[in-house]
Amino acid sequence: MRAAAYAVAACQRGKRSLALDISVARARPVVERLLGWADVVRHNFRVGVAERLGIDAATVARLNQGAVYCHASAFGGTGPRAMFPGNDALMQAVTGFERAIGGAGNDPIAATWIPIDMTGGWVAAAGVLAGLYAQATGGGAQQVATSLLGAGILLHSGVFWRDGELVRGPSLDGAQTGYGPGYRIYQGGDGHWFALVVPTPDAWRRLGGLVEVPEHYVPLRDGDADSVARRAEAALETAFATAPAALWVGRLRDCGLLAELIEPADRDGFRRAILDDPVNRQLGRVVCYETADWGRFEQIGPLLRCGPDAGSGPRLMLPGVGEHTAEILAELGFSAEDAGALLAAKVTSQPET
């Protein structure tokens, strides 16, 4: 994906890049020294590929008893689909994610922000951190197994059975505006939209003091809940259409209710609202730096910071392919002659991914 600057910038910032064909014999000493040096060994090859490349869990455990080994597969390590490839788009289809965000009665919608890839990465990261903690507290070597399928299922965690019956959870309405009258977006009289959240009976009573809501609507559990909710939605839509969205947000907040204007959704609108915000720049939520291939970059800063100095973060750089190969080989103890031979070797094959 080197041709896609946005993907490289989003995923590779702050890393070092070592380029090596690990399938050739002359690379084996480097591979084994890397595996013996690492705190964590993680890959997302198809099932069986790691064994063929000699980076499987058993090999890593033999070379490094303290490493946390993580395999993030597509469908899991066993089962009829274990050998299948997978990615975000396929898992959205398998788990019904695209149908869920399309709304009731609508065509499915593909989410372009790779939600299952992102979720899968965070699940794997959480597992790795737990493994590091277990290892540090005397638990020995740890293995972490995650899958994209599991990540997709996690996003449906509100769906479950109770006593043989499906428990109803929130589902997006056909207008794609929300999950009911108190958790949705509304359009003001000026055509702009705002989000409204009314989480408690007390909040509904306060809303009822501002606009007329049928029966001072509170979510019900009986058979009339749907009809009452629809009447409440219609009443709120009518009321909110009488004034600009920003005015309604002000009135709702004055009553202690939760409301936010909806910001422009395109990339330029996001840039103006977030990247150009001087407070975000001051707090490091937005960072600027120079890149070798694409010039000056401005993007979201490191949101998760830890350590003795929580104000620091990863190095602000995007690595070129293999940019740090010689540097890392030297750190692993290889001589300049050995490193030169490896760097000069022509890559004749690529492992299956």
Foldseek 3Di string as FASTA:
>chain_A
DVVPVVVLQVPFFQHAFADFFLLDPLCVVVVLLVLLPDQEAEDAFQAPLCVNSQNDPVSSCVSHFRHEYEYAYAPWCDDPCRRPHDALQVLCVVLVVQVQLQAPPGDGDDDPVSQLVVQSVVVRVVQRVVQNVCSVVPNIYHYHYHHSNVSSVVVVVVWDDDPRHTDDDFTQHNVSFARFQQFGKEAALVRFIKTFHQDDLVSLVLVCVVFPQVVSDDQDDDPCRVVSRVSRNVRVNVVRSVGHPVVVCVVSVVSVTDMGTDFDDDPVRCCVVAQVPVVCVVQQQWDWDAEPPPGIDIDGGPPAADDPDRSDDRDRYRYDHNNCNQVVCVVSPDDPVSSVVRVPDDDDDHRHD
